Amino acid sequence: MLGDKKTGSVIIKWEKPTAVKPTSIRFSPSIIEKAKRLAELHKARGYQTWLKQIVEERIKHEEKLLSDFKRELKIASNK
């Protein structure tokens, strides 16, 4: 994030996606157990598949929030 000194607003630049190798995320044993139970409740193929879906959904949600926020800032600055 970059700060805009004139308006005090925050400027966020998204770079083009780059190809990356798959990686792993380490969770505590208690989180894994909870994820296993929730994946079963949601009838997912497995907890890793369910976690991947949850993370992807959250990222899309955050991107939409950011896009909406930027649009609202632009509208507000044009008034």
PDB file of N, CA and C in Angstrom:
ATOM      1  N   MET A   1       0.844  -1.172   0.000  1.00  0.00           N
ATOM      2  CA  MET A   1       0.000   0.000   0.000  1.00  0.00           C
ATOM      3  C   MET A   1       0.887   1.234   0.000  1.00  0.00           C
ATOM      4  N   LEU A   2       0.444   2.207  -0.721  1.00  0.00           N
ATOM      5  CA  LEU A   2       1.152   3.464  -0.774  1.00  0.00           C
ATOM      6  C   LEU A   2       0.247   4.547  -0.220  1.00  0.00           C
ATOM      7  N   GLY A   3       0.800   5.461   0.533  1.00  0.00           N
ATOM      8  CA  GLY A   3       0.005   6.558   1.056  1.00  0.00           C
ATOM      9  C   GLY A   3       0.034   7.735   0.102  1.00  0.00           C
ATOM     10  N   ASP A   4      -1.086   8.372  -0.086  1.00  0.00           N
ATOM     11  CA  ASP A   4      -1.176   9.561  -0.913  1.00  0.00           C
ATOM     12  C   ASP A   4      -1.117  10.760   0.021  1.00  0.00           C
ATOM     13  N   LYS A   5      -0.029  11.517  -0.030  1.00  0.00           N
ATOM     14  CA  LYS A   5       0.177  12.621   0.911  1.00  0.00           C
ATOM     15  C   LYS A   5      -0.832  13.741   0.717  1.00  0.00           C
ATOM     16  N   LYS A   6      -1.291  13.969  -0.507  1.00  0.00           N
ATOM     17  CA  LYS A   6      -2.213  15.076  -0.765  1.00  0.00           C
ATOM     18  C   LYS A   6      -3.584  14.834  -0.138  1.00  0.00           C
ATOM     19  N   THR A   7      -4.128  13.642  -0.309  1.00  0.00           N
ATOM     20  CA  THR A   7      -5.477  13.366   0.174  1.00  0.00           C
ATOM     21  C   THR A   7      -5.491  12.498   1.421  1.00  0.00           C
ATOM     22  N   GLY A   8      -4.380  11.888   1.737  1.00  0.00           N
ATOM     23  CA  GLY A   8      -4.324  11.003   2.899  1.00  0.00           C
ATOM     24  C   GLY A   8      -4.943   9.645   2.628  1.00  0.00           C
ATOM     25  N   SER A   9      -5.383   9.411   1.390  1.00  0.00           N
ATOM     26  CA  SER A   9      -6.007   8.132   1.070  1.00  0.00           C
ATOM     27  C   SER A   9      -4.938   7.078   0.825  1.00  0.00           C
ATOM     28  N   VAL A  10      -5.372   5.855   0.762  1.00  0.00           N
ATOM     29  CA  VAL A  10      -4.467   4.735   0.540  1.00  0.00           C
ATOM     30  C   VAL A  10      -4.595   4.291  -0.905  1.00  0.00           C
ATOM     31  N   ILE A  11      -3.459   4.127  -1.570  1.00  0.00           N
ATOM     32  CA  ILE A  11      -3.436   3.649  -2.945  1.00  0.00           C
ATOM     33  C   ILE A  11      -2.884   2.232  -2.927  1.00  0.00           C
ATOM     34  N   ILE A  12      -3.635   1.314  -3.515  1.00  0.00           N
ATOM     35  CA  ILE A  12      -3.211  -0.081  -3.545  1.00  0.00           C
ATOM     36  C   ILE A  12      -3.055  -0.487  -5.004  1.00  0.00           C
ATOM     37  N   LYS A  13      -1.882  -0.974  -5.351  1.00  0.00           N
ATOM     38  CA  LYS A  13      -1.622  -1.410  -6.718  1.00  0.00           C
ATOM     39  C   LYS A  13      -1.569  -2.927  -6.760  1.00  0.00           C
ATOM     40  N   TRP A  14      -2.355  -3.519  -7.649  1.00  0.00           N
ATOM     41  CA  TRP A  14      -2.323  -4.957  -7.864  1.00  0.00           C
ATOM     42  C   TRP A  14      -1.432  -5.213  -9.059  1.00  0.00           C
ATOM     43  N   GLU A  15      -0.513  -6.105  -8.899  1.00  0.00           N
ATOM     44  CA  GLU A  15       0.343  -6.486 -10.007  1.00  0.00           C
ATOM     45  C   GLU A  15      -0.297  -7.640 -10.748  1.00  0.00           C
ATOM     46  N   LYS A  16       0.155  -7.843 -11.989  1.00  0.00           N
ATOM     47  CA  LYS A  16      -0.349  -8.970 -12.761  1.00  0.00           C
ATOM     48  C   LYS A  16       0.032 -10.263 -12.053  1.00  0.00           C
ATOM     49  N   PRO A  17      -0.892 -11.246 -12.043  1.00  0.00           N
ATOM     50  CA  PRO A  17      -0.561 -12.533 -11.414  1.00  0.00           C
ATOM     51  C   PRO A  17       0.625 -13.192 -12.102  1.00  0.00           C
ATOM     52  N   THR A  18       1.423 -13.852 -11.332  1.00  0.00           N
ATOM     53  CA  THR A  18       2.544 -14.588 -11.883  1.00  0.00           C
ATOM     54  C   THR A  18       2.371 -16.061 -11.566  1.00  0.00           C
ATOM     55  N   ALA A  19       2.946 -16.895 -12.405  1.00  0.00           N
ATOM     56  CA  ALA A  19       2.870 -18.338 -12.166  1.00  0.00           C
ATOM     57  C   ALA A  19       3.765 -18.675 -10.980  1.00  0.00           C
ATOM     58  N   VAL A  20       3.216 -19.415 -10.049  1.00  0.00           N
ATOM     59  CA  VAL A  20       3.992 -19.842  -8.885  1.00  0.00           C
ATOM     60  C   VAL A  20       3.829 -21.341  -8.703  1.00  0.00           C
ATOM     61  N   LYS A  21       4.800 -21.930  -8.079  1.00  0.00           N
ATOM     62  CA  LYS A  21       4.718 -23.353  -7.766  1.00  0.00           C
ATOM     63  C   LYS A  21       3.763 -23.539  -6.591  1.00  0.00           C
ATOM     64  N   PRO A  22       3.009 -24.633  -6.594  1.00  0.00           N
ATOM     65  CA  PRO A  22       2.149 -24.901  -5.441  1.00  0.00           C
ATOM     66  C   PRO A  22       2.986 -24.955  -4.165  1.00  0.00           C
ATOM     67  N   THR A  23       2.409 -24.501  -3.097  1.00  0.00           N
ATOM     68  CA  THR A  23       3.114 -24.487  -1.828  1.00  0.00           C
ATOM     69  C   THR A  23       2.200 -25.047  -0.748  1.00  0.00           C
ATOM     70  N   SER A  24       2.727 -25.204   0.407  1.00  0.00           N
ATOM     71  CA  SER A  24       1.909 -25.724   1.503  1.00  0.00           C
ATOM     72  C   SER A  24       1.783 -24.663   2.584  1.00  0.00           C
ATOM     73  N   ILE A  25       0.705 -24.768   3.313  1.00  0.00           N
ATOM     74  CA  ILE A  25       0.463 -23.890   4.451  1.00  0.00           C
ATOM     75  C   ILE A  25       0.379 -24.788   5.680  1.00  0.00           C
ATOM     76  N   ARG A  26       1.090 -24.429   6.701  1.00  0.00           N
ATOM     77  CA  ARG A  26       1.075 -25.241   7.926  1.00  0.00           C
ATOM     78  C   ARG A  26       0.033 -24.699   8.898  1.00  0.00           C
ATOM     79  N   PHE A  27      -0.820 -25.611   9.390  1.00  0.00           N
ATOM     80  CA  PHE A  27      -1.822 -25.278  10.386  1.00  0.00           C
ATOM     81  C   PHE A  27      -1.545 -26.089  11.638  1.00  0.00           C
ATOM     82  N   SER A  28      -2.035 -25.583  12.732  1.00  0.00           N
ATOM     83  CA  SER A  28      -1.877 -26.316  13.993  1.00  0.00           C
ATOM     84  C   SER A  28      -2.742 -27.575  13.938  1.00  0.00           C
ATOM     85  N   PRO A  29      -2.391 -28.586  14.730  1.00  0.00           N
ATOM     86  CA  PRO A  29      -3.197 -29.811  14.754  1.00  0.00           C
ATOM     87  C   PRO A  29      -4.661 -29.556  15.112  1.00  0.00           C
ATOM     88  N   SER A  30      -4.923 -28.604  15.995  1.00  0.00           N
ATOM     89  CA  SER A  30      -6.319 -28.333  16.373  1.00  0.00           C
ATOM     90  C   SER A  30      -7.105 -27.745  15.203  1.00  0.00           C
ATOM     91  N   ILE A  31      -6.475 -26.881  14.401  1.00  0.00           N
ATOM     92  CA  ILE A  31      -7.155 -26.316  13.229  1.00  0.00           C
ATOM     93  C   ILE A  31      -7.413 -27.405  12.195  1.00  0.00           C
ATOM     94  N   ILE A  32      -6.461 -28.310  12.032  1.00  0.00           N
ATOM     95  CA  ILE A  32      -6.647 -29.405  11.072  1.00  0.00           C
ATOM     96  C   ILE A  32      -7.814 -30.287  11.499  1.00  0.00           C
ATOM     97  N   GLU A  33      -7.906 -30.582  12.778  1.00  0.00           N
ATOM     98  CA  GLU A  33      -9.024 -31.403  13.271  1.00  0.00           C
ATOM     99  C   GLU A  33     -10.356 -30.706  13.035  1.00  0.00           C
ATOM    100  N   LYS A  34     -10.409 -29.407  13.285  1.00  0.00           N
ATOM    101  CA  LYS A  34     -11.643 -28.639  13.042  1.00  0.00           C
ATOM    102  C   LYS A  34     -11.977 -28.639  11.556  1.00  0.00           C
ATOM    103  N   ALA A  35     -10.964 -28.463  10.720  1.00  0.00           N
ATOM    104  CA  ALA A  35     -11.176 -28.458   9.272  1.00  0.00           C
ATOM    105  C   ALA A  35     -11.693 -29.819   8.797  1.00  0.00           C
ATOM    106  N   LYS A  36     -11.166 -30.887   9.365  1.00  0.00           N
ATOM    107  CA  LYS A  36     -11.637 -32.227   8.996  1.00  0.00           C
ATOM    108  C   LYS A  36     -13.118 -32.394   9.330  1.00  0.00           C
ATOM    109  N   ARG A  37     -13.508 -31.942  10.518  1.00  0.00           N
ATOM    110  CA  ARG A  37     -14.923 -32.048  10.916  1.00  0.00           C
ATOM    111  C   ARG A  37     -15.811 -31.205  10.015  1.00  0.00           C
ATOM    112  N   LEU A  38     -15.372 -29.977   9.729  1.00  0.00           N
ATOM    113  CA  LEU A  38     -16.175 -29.094   8.881  1.00  0.00           C
ATOM    114  C   LEU A  38     -16.245 -29.606   7.454  1.00  0.00           C
ATOM    115  N   ALA A  39     -15.159 -30.136   6.942  1.00  0.00           N
ATOM    116  CA  ALA A  39     -15.156 -30.698   5.586  1.00  0.00           C
ATOM    117  C   ALA A  39     -16.144 -31.858   5.497  1.00  0.00           C
ATOM    118  N   GLU A  40     -16.181 -32.659   6.537  1.00  0.00           N
ATOM    119  CA  GLU A  40     -17.127 -33.779   6.566  1.00  0.00           C
ATOM    120  C   GLU A  40     -18.563 -33.265   6.583  1.00  0.00           C
ATOM    121  N   LEU A  41     -18.829 -32.243   7.388  1.00  0.00           N
ATOM    122  CA  LEU A  41     -20.172 -31.655   7.436  1.00  0.00           C
ATOM    123  C   LEU A  41     -20.598 -31.098   6.081  1.00  0.00           C
ATOM    124  N   HIS A  42     -19.644 -30.550   5.360  1.00  0.00           N
ATOM    125  CA  HIS A  42     -19.927 -29.960   4.048  1.00  0.00           C
ATOM    126  C   HIS A  42     -19.818 -30.975   2.919  1.00  0.00           C
ATOM    127  N   LYS A  43     -19.591 -32.219   3.295  1.00  0.00           N
ATOM    128  CA  LYS A  43     -19.485 -33.322   2.341  1.00  0.00           C
ATOM    129  C   LYS A  43     -18.414 -33.068   1.272  1.00  0.00           C
ATOM    130  N   ALA A  44     -17.320 -32.485   1.690  1.00  0.00           N
ATOM    131  CA  ALA A  44     -16.182 -32.256   0.797  1.00  0.00           C
ATOM    132  C   ALA A  44     -15.401 -33.561   0.641  1.00  0.00           C
ATOM    133  N   ARG A  45     -14.623 -33.647  -0.425  1.00  0.00           N
ATOM    134  CA  ARG A  45     -13.828 -34.864  -0.664  1.00  0.00           C
ATOM    135  C   ARG A  45     -12.784 -35.077   0.417  1.00  0.00           C
ATOM    136  N   GLY A  46     -12.325 -34.001   1.001  1.00  0.00           N
ATOM    137  CA  GLY A  46     -11.328 -34.076   2.058  1.00  0.00           C
ATOM    138  C   GLY A  46     -11.106 -32.687   2.636  1.00  0.00           C
ATOM    139  N   TYR A  47     -10.441 -32.636   3.761  1.00  0.00           N
ATOM    140  CA  TYR A  47     -10.277 -31.348   4.414  1.00  0.00           C
ATOM    141  C   TYR A  47      -9.375 -30.412   3.624  1.00  0.00           C
ATOM    142  N   GLN A  48      -8.386 -30.961   2.902  1.00  0.00           N
ATOM    143  CA  GLN A  48      -7.510 -30.090   2.119  1.00  0.00           C
ATOM    144  C   GLN A  48      -8.265 -29.447   0.953  1.00  0.00           C
ATOM    145  N   THR A  49      -9.123 -30.220   0.323  1.00  0.00           N
ATOM    146  CA  THR A  49      -9.964 -29.687  -0.754  1.00  0.00           C
ATOM    147  C   THR A  49     -10.883 -28.601  -0.209  1.00  0.00           C
ATOM    148  N   TRP A  50     -11.477 -28.860   0.944  1.00  0.00           N
ATOM    149  CA  TRP A  50     -12.382 -27.896   1.565  1.00  0.00           C
ATOM    150  C   TRP A  50     -11.630 -26.615   1.942  1.00  0.00           C
ATOM    151  N   LEU A  51     -10.447 -26.750   2.540  1.00  0.00           N
ATOM    152  CA  LEU A  51      -9.657 -25.574   2.910  1.00  0.00           C
ATOM    153  C   LEU A  51      -9.264 -24.761   1.678  1.00  0.00           C
ATOM    154  N   LYS A  52      -8.884 -25.438   0.611  1.00  0.00           N
ATOM    155  CA  LYS A  52      -8.523 -24.748  -0.630  1.00  0.00           C
ATOM    156  C   LYS A  52      -9.708 -23.925  -1.130  1.00  0.00           C
ATOM    157  N   GLN A  53     -10.886 -24.510  -1.112  1.00  0.00           N
ATOM    158  CA  GLN A  53     -12.094 -23.812  -1.555  1.00  0.00           C
ATOM    159  C   GLN A  53     -12.371 -22.588  -0.672  1.00  0.00           C
ATOM    160  N   ILE A  54     -12.232 -22.749   0.633  1.00  0.00           N
ATOM    161  CA  ILE A  54     -12.484 -21.652   1.568  1.00  0.00           C
ATOM    162  C   ILE A  54     -11.502 -20.506   1.322  1.00  0.00           C
ATOM    163  N   VAL A  55     -10.242 -20.826   1.147  1.00  0.00           N
ATOM    164  CA  VAL A  55      -9.224 -19.793   0.919  1.00  0.00           C
ATOM    165  C   VAL A  55      -9.501 -19.068  -0.395  1.00  0.00           C
ATOM    166  N   GLU A  56      -9.810 -19.820  -1.450  1.00  0.00           N
ATOM    167  CA  GLU A  56     -10.090 -19.197  -2.741  1.00  0.00           C
ATOM    168  C   GLU A  56     -11.314 -18.286  -2.662  1.00  0.00           C
ATOM    169  N   GLU A  57     -12.369 -18.730  -1.975  1.00  0.00           N
ATOM    170  CA  GLU A  57     -13.569 -17.905  -1.812  1.00  0.00           C
ATOM    171  C   GLU A  57     -13.248 -16.623  -1.042  1.00  0.00           C
ATOM    172  N   ARG A  58     -12.439 -16.750  -0.003  1.00  0.00           N
ATOM    173  CA  ARG A  58     -12.092 -15.577   0.806  1.00  0.00           C
ATOM    174  C   ARG A  58     -11.271 -14.568   0.005  1.00  0.00           C
ATOM    175  N   ILE A  59     -10.352 -15.058  -0.800  1.00  0.00           N
ATOM    176  CA  ILE A  59      -9.538 -14.155  -1.619  1.00  0.00           C
ATOM    177  C   ILE A  59     -10.422 -13.412  -2.625  1.00  0.00           C
ATOM    178  N   LYS A  60     -11.337 -14.120  -3.270  1.00  0.00           N
ATOM    179  CA  LYS A  60     -12.267 -13.459  -4.202  1.00  0.00           C
ATOM    180  C   LYS A  60     -13.098 -12.410  -3.481  1.00  0.00           C
ATOM    181  N   HIS A  61     -13.552 -12.740  -2.285  1.00  0.00           N
ATOM    182  CA  HIS A  61     -14.344 -11.804  -1.480  1.00  0.00           C
ATOM    183  C   HIS A  61     -13.531 -10.555  -1.144  1.00  0.00           C
ATOM    184  N   GLU A  62     -12.300 -10.743  -0.710  1.00  0.00           N
ATOM    185  CA  GLU A  62     -11.429  -9.613  -0.365  1.00  0.00           C
ATOM    186  C   GLU A  62     -11.133  -8.745  -1.584  1.00  0.00           C
ATOM    187  N   GLU A  63     -10.920  -9.381  -2.744  1.00  0.00           N
ATOM    188  CA  GLU A  63     -10.687  -8.610  -3.963  1.00  0.00           C
ATOM    189  C   GLU A  63     -11.902  -7.767  -4.329  1.00  0.00           C
ATOM    190  N   LYS A  64     -13.101  -8.328  -4.161  1.00  0.00           N
ATOM    191  CA  LYS A  64     -14.332  -7.575  -4.440  1.00  0.00           C
ATOM    192  C   LYS A  64     -14.475  -6.415  -3.473  1.00  0.00           C
ATOM    193  N   LEU A  65     -14.213  -6.656  -2.198  1.00  0.00           N
ATOM    194  CA  LEU A  65     -14.288  -5.569  -1.216  1.00  0.00           C
ATOM    195  C   LEU A  65     -13.330  -4.445  -1.576  1.00  0.00           C
ATOM    196  N   LEU A  66     -12.122  -4.801  -1.958  1.00  0.00           N
ATOM    197  CA  LEU A  66     -11.132  -3.797  -2.327  1.00  0.00           C
ATOM    198  C   LEU A  66     -11.577  -3.026  -3.564  1.00  0.00           C
ATOM    199  N   SER A  67     -12.085  -3.731  -4.549  1.00  0.00           N
ATOM    200  CA  SER A  67     -12.564  -3.091  -5.772  1.00  0.00           C
ATOM    201  C   SER A  67     -13.704  -2.125  -5.464  1.00  0.00           C
ATOM    202  N   ASP A  68     -14.658  -2.567  -4.641  1.00  0.00           N
ATOM    203  CA  ASP A  68     -15.783  -1.705  -4.245  1.00  0.00           C
ATOM    204  C   ASP A  68     -15.296  -0.485  -3.486  1.00  0.00           C
ATOM    205  N   PHE A  69     -14.339  -0.683  -2.591  1.00  0.00           N
ATOM    206  CA  PHE A  69     -13.782   0.413  -1.796  1.00  0.00           C
ATOM    207  C   PHE A  69     -13.112   1.441  -2.701  1.00  0.00           C
ATOM    208  N   LYS A  70     -12.319   0.954  -3.658  1.00  0.00           N
ATOM    209  CA  LYS A  70     -11.633   1.855  -4.582  1.00  0.00           C
ATOM    210  C   LYS A  70     -12.636   2.638  -5.427  1.00  0.00           C
ATOM    211  N   ARG A  71     -13.721   1.968  -5.856  1.00  0.00           N
ATOM    212  CA  ARG A  71     -14.750   2.638  -6.639  1.00  0.00           C
ATOM    213  C   ARG A  71     -15.434   3.715  -5.812  1.00  0.00           C
ATOM    214  N   GLU A  72     -15.744   3.395  -4.560  1.00  0.00           N
ATOM    215  CA  GLU A  72     -16.379   4.379  -3.672  1.00  0.00           C
ATOM    216  C   GLU A  72     -15.445   5.571  -3.413  1.00  0.00           C
ATOM    217  N   LEU A  73     -14.157   5.301  -3.246  1.00  0.00           N
ATOM    218  CA  LEU A  73     -13.195   6.399  -3.055  1.00  0.00           C
ATOM    219  C   LEU A  73     -13.160   7.310  -4.280  1.00  0.00           C
ATOM    220  N   LYS A  74     -13.178   6.703  -5.441  1.00  0.00           N
ATOM    221  CA  LYS A  74     -13.151   7.474  -6.679  1.00  0.00           C
ATOM    222  C   LYS A  74     -14.395   8.331  -6.805  1.00  0.00           C
ATOM    223  N   ILE A  75     -15.551   7.768  -6.492  1.00  0.00           N
ATOM    224  CA  ILE A  75     -16.810   8.511  -6.547  1.00  0.00           C
ATOM    225  C   ILE A  75     -16.779   9.660  -5.552  1.00  0.00           C
ATOM    226  N   ALA A  76     -16.315   9.380  -4.335  1.00  0.00           N
ATOM    227  CA  ALA A  76     -16.259  10.411  -3.289  1.00  0.00           C
ATOM    228  C   ALA A  76     -15.281  11.529  -3.655  1.00  0.00           C
ATOM    229  N   SER A  77     -14.184  11.188  -4.318  1.00  0.00           N
ATOM    230  CA  SER A  77     -13.197  12.215  -4.669  1.00  0.00           C
ATOM    231  C   SER A  77     -13.656  13.083  -5.830  1.00  0.00           C
ATOM    232  N   ASN A  78     -14.636  12.601  -6.607  1.00  0.00           N
ATOM    233  CA  ASN A  78     -15.162  13.366  -7.736  1.00  0.00           C
ATOM    234  C   ASN A  78     -16.283  14.307  -7.319  1.00  0.00           C
ATOM    235  N   LYS A  79     -16.715  14.247  -6.086  1.00  0.00           N
ATOM    236  CA  LYS A  79     -17.815  15.116  -5.621  1.00  0.00           C
ATOM    237  C   LYS A  79     -17.325  16.473  -5.230  1.00  0.00           C
TER     238      LYS A  79
END
